[in-house]
Each structure stands twice: as C-alpha cells, then as structure tokens.
Amino acid sequence: MHSFNRILSFSIVIFALLVTGQCSSKSSDELVKEGTKHSEKGAYDKSFDSFLKATKLDPKNVNAFYALGGIYNYRNEYEKAVQAFKTVITLDPTHFNARYSLGFTYDKLGKPELAEIEYERYQSLKKRFESMLTKE
C-alpha cells in the first residue's frame, strides 16, 4: 500500500507539472512580441532569452531569427548574427531587411566585399517590393 501511495503522489505531481506547463507556455509569436517589449525597455538579456526560446519553439519563425540576429549584433557576436540572418534569408528569400542586416554584420566583421553584395541584394529586393506596391 505504501508503494501505491508513492506512485499516486508522484503521478499527481507529474500531472500538475504537465498541466501548469501547458497553461503558461507561450507561442513563438508571443515570445517575439515579449522580446520586442523587453528590447524597447532596454532589457536586452531578457529579449535575447525570449527570441531564442521563440526560435527553438518554432524553427521557421522568421521574425524570431531576425530579432535574434539584431541582439547578436548588439552583443558583438557577429558570427552568430550572420547565421541568424542567413536563416531568415533561407526561410524567406524576399526578406530585404535581413539582407541589409547581413551586410551591416559583414561590415562589422571587416568583410566589405560580402557586405557590398548584401547591400546590392537589399537594394534590388527593396526596389522590386516597392514597384509591386505602386502597381497595386
């Protein structure tokens, strides 16, 4: 009987943890919004945590990776920023702001030739986007 009580108690604790974990968990998009609010307040460590959690929760969340790249730049972790921006571009090849940010990061890394390529791609994509808007 003593063993049964232990198993029952353990099961109740596990169940409670699972239920409360599901109730309090945030979506990837909610974490991006949370991270943005932290950034606006200058709480960059908190924003980093939110953006990183968002990327882990949804590895296809373009906004999470783009924001994470910005935080990596802020932290002078340029190689990690490059990877974040490349992930954005892989997920959304039309994301012209990621091209600009990648160019900026390459400038910080002392790679002006790569930066120039990304700035040119940024300009090209942005012009195409703007021309589509004016046609509509």
C-alpha atoms as a PDB file:
ATOM      1  CA  MET A   1       0.000   0.000   0.000  1.00  0.00           C
ATOM      2  CA  HIS A   2       2.893   2.352   0.815  1.00  0.00           C
ATOM      3  CA  SER A   3       4.274   1.834  -2.714  1.00  0.00           C
ATOM      4  CA  PHE A   4       0.888   2.622  -4.238  1.00  0.00           C
ATOM      5  CA  ASN A   5       0.700   5.944  -2.334  1.00  0.00           C
ATOM      6  CA  ARG A   6       4.142   6.929  -3.588  1.00  0.00           C
ATOM      7  CA  ILE A   7       3.230   6.134  -7.179  1.00  0.00           C
ATOM      8  CA  LEU A   8      -0.056   8.012  -6.834  1.00  0.00           C
ATOM      9  CA  SER A   9       1.685  11.047  -5.302  1.00  0.00           C
ATOM     10  CA  PHE A  10       4.357  11.008  -7.989  1.00  0.00           C
ATOM     11  CA  SER A  11       1.708  10.752 -10.721  1.00  0.00           C
ATOM     12  CA  ILE A  12      -0.211  13.701  -9.293  1.00  0.00           C
ATOM     13  CA  VAL A  13       2.932  15.850  -9.209  1.00  0.00           C
ATOM     14  CA  ILE A  14       3.846  14.935 -12.796  1.00  0.00           C
ATOM     15  CA  PHE A  15       0.294  15.634 -13.962  1.00  0.00           C
ATOM     16  CA  ALA A  16       0.276  19.016 -12.200  1.00  0.00           C
ATOM     17  CA  LEU A  17       3.599  19.966 -13.807  1.00  0.00           C
ATOM     18  CA  LEU A  18       2.360  18.997 -17.247  1.00  0.00           C
ATOM     19  CA  VAL A  19      -0.895  20.907 -16.873  1.00  0.00           C
ATOM     20  CA  THR A  20       0.700  24.076 -15.490  1.00  0.00           C
ATOM     21  CA  GLY A  21       3.432  23.918 -18.134  1.00  0.00           C
ATOM     22  CA  GLN A  22       0.853  23.854 -20.893  1.00  0.00           C
ATOM     23  CA  CYS A  23      -1.208  26.650 -19.382  1.00  0.00           C
ATOM     24  CA  SER A  24       1.707  29.030 -19.018  1.00  0.00           C
ATOM     25  CA  SER A  25       3.541  28.283 -22.259  1.00  0.00           C
ATOM     26  CA  LYS A  26       3.618  30.998 -24.896  1.00  0.00           C
ATOM     27  CA  SER A  27       3.598  30.624 -28.642  1.00  0.00           C
ATOM     28  CA  SER A  28       6.637  31.529 -30.682  1.00  0.00           C
ATOM     29  CA  ASP A  29       4.936  34.699 -31.926  1.00  0.00           C
ATOM     30  CA  GLU A  30       4.007  35.696 -28.372  1.00  0.00           C
ATOM     31  CA  LEU A  31       7.625  35.243 -27.344  1.00  0.00           C
ATOM     32  CA  VAL A  32       8.731  37.523 -30.200  1.00  0.00           C
ATOM     33  CA  LYS A  33       6.285  40.199 -29.012  1.00  0.00           C
ATOM     34  CA  GLU A  34       7.554  39.750 -25.462  1.00  0.00           C
ATOM     35  CA  GLY A  35      11.162  40.035 -26.641  1.00  0.00           C
ATOM     36  CA  THR A  36      10.346  43.183 -28.593  1.00  0.00           C
ATOM     37  CA  LYS A  37       8.810  44.765 -25.494  1.00  0.00           C
ATOM     38  CA  HIS A  38      11.928  43.882 -23.496  1.00  0.00           C
ATOM     39  CA  SER A  39      14.115  45.455 -26.208  1.00  0.00           C
ATOM     40  CA  GLU A  40      12.066  48.644 -26.153  1.00  0.00           C
ATOM     41  CA  LYS A  41      12.767  48.873 -22.429  1.00  0.00           C
ATOM     42  CA  GLY A  42      16.478  48.186 -22.913  1.00  0.00           C
ATOM     43  CA  ALA A  43      16.263  44.750 -21.255  1.00  0.00           C
ATOM     44  CA  TYR A  44      18.329  43.059 -23.970  1.00  0.00           C
ATOM     45  CA  ASP A  45      19.202  39.940 -21.975  1.00  0.00           C
ATOM     46  CA  LYS A  46      15.510  39.260 -21.433  1.00  0.00           C
ATOM     47  CA  SER A  47      14.741  39.975 -25.079  1.00  0.00           C
ATOM     48  CA  PHE A  48      17.522  37.595 -26.127  1.00  0.00           C
ATOM     49  CA  ASP A  49      16.010  34.840 -23.977  1.00  0.00           C
ATOM     50  CA  SER A  50      12.561  35.411 -25.477  1.00  0.00           C
ATOM     51  CA  PHE A  51      13.820  35.429 -29.072  1.00  0.00           C
ATOM     52  CA  LEU A  52      15.956  32.335 -28.523  1.00  0.00           C
ATOM     53  CA  LYS A  53      13.010  30.465 -26.982  1.00  0.00           C
ATOM     54  CA  ALA A  54      10.863  31.538 -29.933  1.00  0.00           C
ATOM     55  CA  THR A  55      13.369  30.077 -32.426  1.00  0.00           C
ATOM     56  CA  LYS A  56      13.511  26.813 -30.519  1.00  0.00           C
ATOM     57  CA  LEU A  57       9.735  26.603 -30.292  1.00  0.00           C
ATOM     58  CA  ASP A  58       9.288  27.380 -33.997  1.00  0.00           C
ATOM     59  CA  PRO A  59      12.437  26.920 -36.093  1.00  0.00           C
ATOM     60  CA  LYS A  60      10.660  28.578 -39.040  1.00  0.00           C
ATOM     61  CA  ASN A  61       9.762  31.827 -37.271  1.00  0.00           C
ATOM     62  CA  VAL A  62      11.415  34.435 -39.479  1.00  0.00           C
ATOM     63  CA  ASN A  63      10.729  37.300 -37.082  1.00  0.00           C
ATOM     64  CA  ALA A  64      12.327  35.437 -34.188  1.00  0.00           C
ATOM     65  CA  PHE A  65      15.531  34.772 -36.124  1.00  0.00           C
ATOM     66  CA  TYR A  66      15.676  38.331 -37.452  1.00  0.00           C
ATOM     67  CA  ALA A  67      15.307  39.772 -33.954  1.00  0.00           C
ATOM     68  CA  LEU A  68      17.839  37.293 -32.589  1.00  0.00           C
ATOM     69  CA  GLY A  69      20.316  38.429 -35.240  1.00  0.00           C
ATOM     70  CA  GLY A  70      19.854  42.011 -34.084  1.00  0.00           C
ATOM     71  CA  ILE A  71      20.573  41.044 -30.482  1.00  0.00           C
ATOM     72  CA  TYR A  72      23.671  39.118 -31.569  1.00  0.00           C
ATOM     73  CA  ASN A  73      24.880  42.261 -33.347  1.00  0.00           C
ATOM     74  CA  TYR A  74      24.200  44.302 -30.214  1.00  0.00           C
ATOM     75  CA  ARG A  75      26.307  41.793 -28.251  1.00  0.00           C
ATOM     76  CA  ASN A  76      29.091  41.957 -30.862  1.00  0.00           C
ATOM     77  CA  GLU A  77      28.558  38.259 -31.600  1.00  0.00           C
ATOM     78  CA  TYR A  78      28.775  38.828 -35.316  1.00  0.00           C
ATOM     79  CA  GLU A  79      29.287  35.232 -36.477  1.00  0.00           C
ATOM     80  CA  LYS A  80      26.098  34.220 -34.671  1.00  0.00           C
ATOM     81  CA  ALA A  81      24.318  37.212 -36.192  1.00  0.00           C
ATOM     82  CA  VAL A  82      25.430  36.086 -39.657  1.00  0.00           C
ATOM     83  CA  GLN A  83      23.918  32.658 -39.026  1.00  0.00           C
ATOM     84  CA  ALA A  84      20.654  34.141 -37.754  1.00  0.00           C
ATOM     85  CA  PHE A  85      20.298  36.433 -40.785  1.00  0.00           C
ATOM     86  CA  LYS A  86      21.203  33.602 -43.177  1.00  0.00           C
ATOM     87  CA  THR A  87      18.467  31.536 -41.553  1.00  0.00           C
ATOM     88  CA  VAL A  88      15.998  34.362 -42.186  1.00  0.00           C
ATOM     89  CA  ILE A  89      17.042  34.510 -45.841  1.00  0.00           C
ATOM     90  CA  THR A  90      16.738  30.745 -46.191  1.00  0.00           C
ATOM     91  CA  LEU A  91      13.242  30.840 -44.728  1.00  0.00           C
ATOM     92  CA  ASP A  92      12.212  33.968 -46.663  1.00  0.00           C
ATOM     93  CA  PRO A  93      14.447  34.871 -49.627  1.00  0.00           C
ATOM     94  CA  THR A  94      12.453  38.101 -50.142  1.00  0.00           C
ATOM     95  CA  HIS A  95      13.246  39.479 -46.658  1.00  0.00           C
ATOM     96  CA  PHE A  96      15.215  42.503 -47.834  1.00  0.00           C
ATOM     97  CA  ASN A  97      15.836  43.836 -44.318  1.00  0.00           C
ATOM     98  CA  ALA A  98      17.701  40.625 -43.491  1.00  0.00           C
ATOM     99  CA  ARG A  99      19.939  41.308 -46.500  1.00  0.00           C
ATOM    100  CA  TYR A 100      20.703  44.790 -45.207  1.00  0.00           C
ATOM    101  CA  SER A 101      21.357  43.491 -41.689  1.00  0.00           C
ATOM    102  CA  LEU A 102      23.613  40.777 -43.045  1.00  0.00           C
ATOM    103  CA  GLY A 103      25.544  43.431 -44.973  1.00  0.00           C
ATOM    104  CA  PHE A 104      25.883  45.505 -41.816  1.00  0.00           C
ATOM    105  CA  THR A 105      27.157  42.461 -39.938  1.00  0.00           C
ATOM    106  CA  TYR A 106      29.694  41.684 -42.658  1.00  0.00           C
ATOM    107  CA  ASP A 107      30.901  45.285 -42.375  1.00  0.00           C
ATOM    108  CA  LYS A 108      31.397  44.762 -38.639  1.00  0.00           C
ATOM    109  CA  LEU A 109      33.377  41.591 -39.396  1.00  0.00           C
ATOM    110  CA  GLY A 110      35.663  43.525 -41.763  1.00  0.00           C
ATOM    111  CA  LYS A 111      34.303  41.813 -44.879  1.00  0.00           C
ATOM    112  CA  PRO A 112      33.397  44.786 -47.108  1.00  0.00           C
ATOM    113  CA  GLU A 113      33.125  42.719 -50.307  1.00  0.00           C
ATOM    114  CA  LEU A 114      30.471  40.450 -48.763  1.00  0.00           C
ATOM    115  CA  ALA A 115      28.758  43.461 -47.232  1.00  0.00           C
ATOM    116  CA  GLU A 116      28.541  45.152 -50.633  1.00  0.00           C
ATOM    117  CA  ILE A 117      26.943  42.057 -52.186  1.00  0.00           C
ATOM    118  CA  GLU A 118      24.271  42.024 -49.477  1.00  0.00           C
ATOM    119  CA  TYR A 119      23.635  45.761 -49.761  1.00  0.00           C
ATOM    120  CA  GLU A 120      23.131  45.351 -53.516  1.00  0.00           C
ATOM    121  CA  ARG A 121      20.724  42.457 -52.946  1.00  0.00           C
ATOM    122  CA  TYR A 122      18.899  44.585 -50.394  1.00  0.00           C
ATOM    123  CA  GLN A 123      18.515  47.439 -52.889  1.00  0.00           C
ATOM    124  CA  SER A 124      17.310  45.100 -55.641  1.00  0.00           C
ATOM    125  CA  LEU A 125      14.743  43.350 -53.457  1.00  0.00           C
ATOM    126  CA  LYS A 126      13.518  46.599 -51.977  1.00  0.00           C
ATOM    127  CA  LYS A 127      13.052  48.166 -55.423  1.00  0.00           C
ATOM    128  CA  ARG A 128      11.090  45.120 -56.590  1.00  0.00           C
ATOM    129  CA  PHE A 129       8.920  45.259 -53.498  1.00  0.00           C
ATOM    130  CA  GLU A 130       8.266  48.979 -53.900  1.00  0.00           C
ATOM    131  CA  SER A 131       7.417  48.573 -57.605  1.00  0.00           C
ATOM    132  CA  MET A 132       4.908  45.846 -56.714  1.00  0.00           C
ATOM    133  CA  LEU A 133       3.285  48.196 -54.216  1.00  0.00           C
ATOM    134  CA  THR A 134       2.953  51.010 -56.734  1.00  0.00           C
ATOM    135  CA  LYS A 135       1.410  48.672 -59.326  1.00  0.00           C
ATOM    136  CA  GLU A 136      -1.304  47.716 -56.894  1.00  0.00           C
END
